Amino acid sequence: MSTFDDREAAFEAKFAHDEEMKFKAEARANKKLGLWAAELLGKSGADAEAYAKTVIAADFEEAGHDDVIRKVVGDLGDKADEQTIRAKRREALAEAKEEMATEA
């Protein structure tokens, strides 16, 4: 293998790793958002975990995280507005990235 091929393979491996970490951070943030929303809905324990899984699954409906926001906005009704939910998700994503960085 040439030096160019080695560099290309390394770049591709780094890209794949970075995308995997991004996916995991997004899923972790969605779980955190789901647990927060579950608490507002009065859920706890296994019910809260089950609800958080539905929030994670909602992220597979379309690209981006607007599908997650729509789900949580719809589920929470007047318990939290969209702006609050978006802020909470940004906070959850920052926490998830920080946690993953310290775990690595």
N, C-alpha and C. Protein backbone atom coordinates (compact mmCIF):
# COMPACT_ATOMS: atom_id res chain seq x y z
N MET A 1 0.84 -1.18 0.00
CA MET A 1 0.00 0.00 0.00
C MET A 1 0.89 1.24 0.00
N SER A 2 0.49 2.22 -0.76
CA SER A 2 1.25 3.46 -0.81
C SER A 2 0.90 4.35 0.37
N THR A 3 1.69 5.37 0.54
CA THR A 3 1.44 6.34 1.61
C THR A 3 0.08 7.00 1.43
N PHE A 4 -0.25 7.29 0.17
CA PHE A 4 -1.56 7.90 -0.11
C PHE A 4 -2.68 6.97 0.30
N ASP A 5 -2.56 5.69 -0.02
CA ASP A 5 -3.59 4.71 0.35
C ASP A 5 -3.71 4.60 1.87
N ASP A 6 -2.58 4.63 2.55
CA ASP A 6 -2.59 4.57 4.02
C ASP A 6 -3.32 5.78 4.61
N ARG A 7 -3.01 6.94 4.06
CA ARG A 7 -3.65 8.16 4.55
C ARG A 7 -5.14 8.15 4.27
N GLU A 8 -5.51 7.66 3.09
CA GLU A 8 -6.93 7.59 2.73
C GLU A 8 -7.67 6.63 3.66
N ALA A 9 -7.07 5.49 3.95
CA ALA A 9 -7.69 4.51 4.85
C ALA A 9 -7.83 5.09 6.26
N ALA A 10 -6.81 5.81 6.71
CA ALA A 10 -6.86 6.42 8.04
C ALA A 10 -7.95 7.49 8.10
N PHE A 11 -8.07 8.29 7.03
CA PHE A 11 -9.10 9.31 6.99
C PHE A 11 -10.49 8.67 7.03
N GLU A 12 -10.68 7.62 6.26
CA GLU A 12 -11.97 6.94 6.23
C GLU A 12 -12.30 6.33 7.59
N ALA A 13 -11.31 5.76 8.25
CA ALA A 13 -11.54 5.18 9.57
C ALA A 13 -11.90 6.26 10.58
N LYS A 14 -11.23 7.40 10.51
CA LYS A 14 -11.53 8.50 11.43
C LYS A 14 -12.94 9.04 11.17
N PHE A 15 -13.29 9.18 9.89
CA PHE A 15 -14.63 9.65 9.54
C PHE A 15 -15.69 8.70 10.09
N ALA A 16 -15.49 7.40 9.90
CA ALA A 16 -16.45 6.41 10.39
C ALA A 16 -16.55 6.48 11.91
N HIS A 17 -15.44 6.61 12.58
CA HIS A 17 -15.44 6.72 14.05
C HIS A 17 -16.17 7.97 14.51
N ASP A 18 -15.88 9.09 13.87
CA ASP A 18 -16.53 10.36 14.23
C ASP A 18 -18.04 10.29 14.04
N GLU A 19 -18.48 9.68 12.94
CA GLU A 19 -19.92 9.54 12.67
C GLU A 19 -20.57 8.63 13.71
N GLU A 20 -19.88 7.57 14.11
CA GLU A 20 -20.41 6.67 15.13
C GLU A 20 -20.56 7.41 16.46
N MET A 21 -19.56 8.19 16.81
CA MET A 21 -19.62 8.96 18.07
C MET A 21 -20.74 9.99 18.02
N LYS A 22 -20.92 10.62 16.86
CA LYS A 22 -22.01 11.60 16.71
C LYS A 22 -23.36 10.90 16.89
N PHE A 23 -23.52 9.75 16.28
CA PHE A 23 -24.77 8.99 16.40
C PHE A 23 -25.04 8.62 17.86
N LYS A 24 -24.01 8.13 18.54
CA LYS A 24 -24.17 7.73 19.95
C LYS A 24 -24.50 8.93 20.83
N ALA A 25 -23.87 10.07 20.56
CA ALA A 25 -24.15 11.27 21.35
C ALA A 25 -25.59 11.74 21.12
N GLU A 26 -26.04 11.69 19.88
CA GLU A 26 -27.42 12.08 19.57
C GLU A 26 -28.41 11.15 20.28
N ALA A 27 -28.15 9.85 20.23
CA ALA A 27 -29.04 8.89 20.89
C ALA A 27 -29.06 9.11 22.39
N ARG A 28 -27.88 9.37 22.96
CA ARG A 28 -27.81 9.61 24.41
C ARG A 28 -28.55 10.89 24.78
N ALA A 29 -28.41 11.92 23.96
CA ALA A 29 -29.12 13.18 24.21
C ALA A 29 -30.63 12.98 24.12
N ASN A 30 -31.06 12.19 23.14
CA ASN A 30 -32.50 11.92 23.01
C ASN A 30 -33.02 11.14 24.20
N LYS A 31 -32.21 10.23 24.72
CA LYS A 31 -32.62 9.49 25.91
C LYS A 31 -32.76 10.44 27.11
N LYS A 32 -31.78 11.32 27.27
CA LYS A 32 -31.84 12.29 28.36
C LYS A 32 -33.09 13.18 28.23
N LEU A 33 -33.36 13.62 27.00
CA LEU A 33 -34.56 14.43 26.76
C LEU A 33 -35.81 13.63 27.09
N GLY A 34 -35.82 12.37 26.68
CA GLY A 34 -36.97 11.50 26.95
C GLY A 34 -37.19 11.29 28.44
N LEU A 35 -36.11 11.11 29.19
CA LEU A 35 -36.25 10.93 30.64
C LEU A 35 -36.74 12.20 31.31
N TRP A 36 -36.26 13.34 30.82
CA TRP A 36 -36.73 14.63 31.34
C TRP A 36 -38.23 14.80 31.07
N ALA A 37 -38.63 14.52 29.84
CA ALA A 37 -40.04 14.64 29.46
C ALA A 37 -40.89 13.65 30.25
N ALA A 38 -40.38 12.44 30.44
CA ALA A 38 -41.11 11.42 31.20
C ALA A 38 -41.39 11.90 32.61
N GLU A 39 -40.41 12.57 33.20
CA GLU A 39 -40.59 13.10 34.55
C GLU A 39 -41.71 14.14 34.57
N LEU A 40 -41.75 15.00 33.54
CA LEU A 40 -42.82 16.00 33.46
C LEU A 40 -44.18 15.33 33.27
N LEU A 41 -44.18 14.17 32.64
CA LEU A 41 -45.43 13.44 32.41
C LEU A 41 -45.81 12.57 33.61
N GLY A 42 -44.98 12.58 34.65
CA GLY A 42 -45.28 11.81 35.85
C GLY A 42 -44.87 10.35 35.77
N LYS A 43 -44.00 10.03 34.81
CA LYS A 43 -43.53 8.65 34.66
C LYS A 43 -42.24 8.46 35.44
N SER A 44 -42.01 7.24 35.90
CA SER A 44 -40.76 6.94 36.59
C SER A 44 -40.41 5.48 36.34
N GLY A 45 -39.19 5.13 36.70
CA GLY A 45 -38.74 3.75 36.58
C GLY A 45 -38.83 3.21 35.17
N ALA A 46 -39.40 2.01 35.05
CA ALA A 46 -39.50 1.33 33.76
C ALA A 46 -40.37 2.11 32.77
N ASP A 47 -41.40 2.79 33.27
CA ASP A 47 -42.25 3.59 32.38
C ASP A 47 -41.46 4.75 31.76
N ALA A 48 -40.61 5.38 32.57
CA ALA A 48 -39.79 6.48 32.07
C ALA A 48 -38.78 5.97 31.04
N GLU A 49 -38.17 4.83 31.31
CA GLU A 49 -37.21 4.23 30.37
C GLU A 49 -37.90 3.87 29.06
N ALA A 50 -39.10 3.31 29.16
CA ALA A 50 -39.85 2.93 27.96
C ALA A 50 -40.20 4.18 27.14
N TYR A 51 -40.60 5.24 27.81
CA TYR A 51 -40.92 6.48 27.10
C TYR A 51 -39.66 7.03 26.42
N ALA A 52 -38.54 7.01 27.13
CA ALA A 52 -37.28 7.52 26.56
C ALA A 52 -36.93 6.74 25.29
N LYS A 53 -37.22 5.46 25.26
CA LYS A 53 -36.95 4.65 24.06
C LYS A 53 -37.81 5.10 22.89
N THR A 54 -39.03 5.54 23.17
CA THR A 54 -39.88 6.03 22.08
C THR A 54 -39.35 7.34 21.52
N VAL A 55 -38.73 8.14 22.39
CA VAL A 55 -38.13 9.39 21.93
C VAL A 55 -36.92 9.08 21.06
N ILE A 56 -36.10 8.13 21.47
CA ILE A 56 -34.95 7.73 20.66
C ILE A 56 -35.42 7.22 19.30
N ALA A 57 -36.45 6.39 19.30
CA ALA A 57 -36.97 5.82 18.05
C ALA A 57 -37.53 6.90 17.13
N ALA A 58 -38.06 7.95 17.70
CA ALA A 58 -38.63 9.03 16.88
C ALA A 58 -37.57 9.69 16.01
N ASP A 59 -36.32 9.61 16.43
CA ASP A 59 -35.23 10.25 15.68
C ASP A 59 -34.98 9.58 14.34
N PHE A 60 -35.51 8.40 14.12
CA PHE A 60 -35.27 7.67 12.88
C PHE A 60 -36.32 7.99 11.81
N GLU A 61 -37.25 8.87 12.11
CA GLU A 61 -38.31 9.21 11.16
C GLU A 61 -37.81 10.08 10.02
N GLU A 62 -36.90 11.00 10.31
CA GLU A 62 -36.36 11.89 9.27
C GLU A 62 -35.00 12.40 9.72
N ALA A 63 -34.27 12.99 8.80
CA ALA A 63 -32.96 13.54 9.13
C ALA A 63 -33.11 14.71 10.10
N GLY A 64 -32.12 14.91 10.93
CA GLY A 64 -32.17 15.99 11.92
C GLY A 64 -32.93 15.55 13.16
N HIS A 65 -33.13 16.48 14.06
CA HIS A 65 -33.81 16.12 15.31
C HIS A 65 -35.18 16.80 15.46
N ASP A 66 -35.69 17.39 14.40
CA ASP A 66 -37.01 18.02 14.48
C ASP A 66 -38.11 16.99 14.75
N ASP A 67 -37.91 15.76 14.29
CA ASP A 67 -38.89 14.71 14.55
C ASP A 67 -38.99 14.41 16.05
N VAL A 68 -37.86 14.46 16.73
CA VAL A 68 -37.83 14.24 18.18
C VAL A 68 -38.54 15.39 18.89
N ILE A 69 -38.21 16.60 18.47
CA ILE A 69 -38.82 17.78 19.08
C ILE A 69 -40.34 17.74 18.91
N ARG A 70 -40.80 17.42 17.69
CA ARG A 70 -42.24 17.35 17.44
C ARG A 70 -42.91 16.32 18.35
N LYS A 71 -42.28 15.17 18.51
CA LYS A 71 -42.86 14.13 19.35
C LYS A 71 -42.99 14.62 20.79
N VAL A 72 -41.92 15.17 21.32
CA VAL A 72 -41.94 15.61 22.72
C VAL A 72 -42.90 16.78 22.91
N VAL A 73 -42.92 17.71 21.98
CA VAL A 73 -43.87 18.83 22.06
C VAL A 73 -45.29 18.29 22.09
N GLY A 74 -45.59 17.35 21.21
CA GLY A 74 -46.93 16.77 21.17
C GLY A 74 -47.28 16.02 22.44
N ASP A 75 -46.32 15.30 22.98
CA ASP A 75 -46.58 14.52 24.19
C ASP A 75 -46.73 15.39 25.44
N LEU A 76 -45.94 16.45 25.51
CA LEU A 76 -45.97 17.29 26.72
C LEU A 76 -47.12 18.28 26.74
N GLY A 77 -47.61 18.63 25.57
CA GLY A 77 -48.72 19.58 25.53
C GLY A 77 -48.34 20.90 26.18
N ASP A 78 -49.09 21.31 27.20
CA ASP A 78 -48.84 22.60 27.85
C ASP A 78 -47.84 22.51 29.00
N LYS A 79 -47.22 21.35 29.19
CA LYS A 79 -46.24 21.19 30.28
C LYS A 79 -44.89 21.86 29.96
N ALA A 80 -44.60 22.03 28.66
CA ALA A 80 -43.38 22.72 28.23
C ALA A 80 -43.57 23.17 26.79
N ASP A 81 -43.07 24.36 26.47
CA ASP A 81 -43.19 24.85 25.10
C ASP A 81 -42.01 24.37 24.25
N GLU A 82 -42.13 24.57 22.95
CA GLU A 82 -41.11 24.09 22.02
C GLU A 82 -39.74 24.69 22.30
N GLN A 83 -39.70 25.96 22.63
CA GLN A 83 -38.43 26.63 22.91
C GLN A 83 -37.73 25.98 24.11
N THR A 84 -38.48 25.67 25.14
CA THR A 84 -37.93 25.03 26.33
C THR A 84 -37.41 23.63 25.99
N ILE A 85 -38.15 22.92 25.17
CA ILE A 85 -37.76 21.56 24.79
C ILE A 85 -36.49 21.60 23.94
N ARG A 86 -36.41 22.53 23.01
CA ARG A 86 -35.19 22.66 22.19
C ARG A 86 -33.99 23.01 23.06
N ALA A 87 -34.18 23.89 24.02
CA ALA A 87 -33.09 24.26 24.92
C ALA A 87 -32.64 23.06 25.75
N LYS A 88 -33.60 22.28 26.22
CA LYS A 88 -33.29 21.09 27.00
C LYS A 88 -32.52 20.08 26.16
N ARG A 89 -32.89 19.95 24.87
CA ARG A 89 -32.19 19.00 24.01
C ARG A 89 -30.75 19.46 23.75
N ARG A 90 -30.56 20.76 23.55
CA ARG A 90 -29.19 21.28 23.37
C ARG A 90 -28.35 20.99 24.61
N GLU A 91 -28.94 21.21 25.77
CA GLU A 91 -28.27 20.94 27.04
C GLU A 91 -27.95 19.45 27.16
N ALA A 92 -28.90 18.60 26.80
CA ALA A 92 -28.70 17.16 26.87
C ALA A 92 -27.60 16.70 25.92
N LEU A 93 -27.52 17.30 24.73
CA LEU A 93 -26.49 16.94 23.77
C LEU A 93 -25.11 17.34 24.29
N ALA A 94 -25.02 18.53 24.88
CA ALA A 94 -23.74 18.96 25.45
C ALA A 94 -23.32 18.02 26.58
N GLU A 95 -24.25 17.62 27.44
CA GLU A 95 -23.95 16.68 28.51
C GLU A 95 -23.51 15.33 27.95
N ALA A 96 -24.20 14.86 26.93
CA ALA A 96 -23.88 13.56 26.33
C ALA A 96 -22.47 13.57 25.74
N LYS A 97 -22.12 14.63 25.04
CA LYS A 97 -20.78 14.73 24.45
C LYS A 97 -19.72 14.78 25.54
N GLU A 98 -20.00 15.52 26.60
CA GLU A 98 -19.05 15.61 27.71
C GLU A 98 -18.87 14.26 28.38
N GLU A 99 -19.95 13.55 28.61
CA GLU A 99 -19.87 12.23 29.21
C GLU A 99 -19.07 11.27 28.34
N MET A 100 -19.31 11.31 27.06
CA MET A 100 -18.60 10.42 26.14
C MET A 100 -17.11 10.74 26.08
N ALA A 101 -16.77 12.02 26.17
CA ALA A 101 -15.37 12.41 26.16
C ALA A 101 -14.65 11.91 27.39
N THR A 102 -15.32 11.92 28.53
CA THR A 102 -14.67 11.45 29.76
C THR A 102 -14.63 9.93 29.83
N GLU A 103 -15.51 9.25 29.10
CA GLU A 103 -15.52 7.80 29.09
C GLU A 103 -14.42 7.23 28.18
N ALA A 104 -14.03 8.00 27.20
CA ALA A 104 -13.06 7.51 26.20
C ALA A 104 -11.66 7.40 26.73
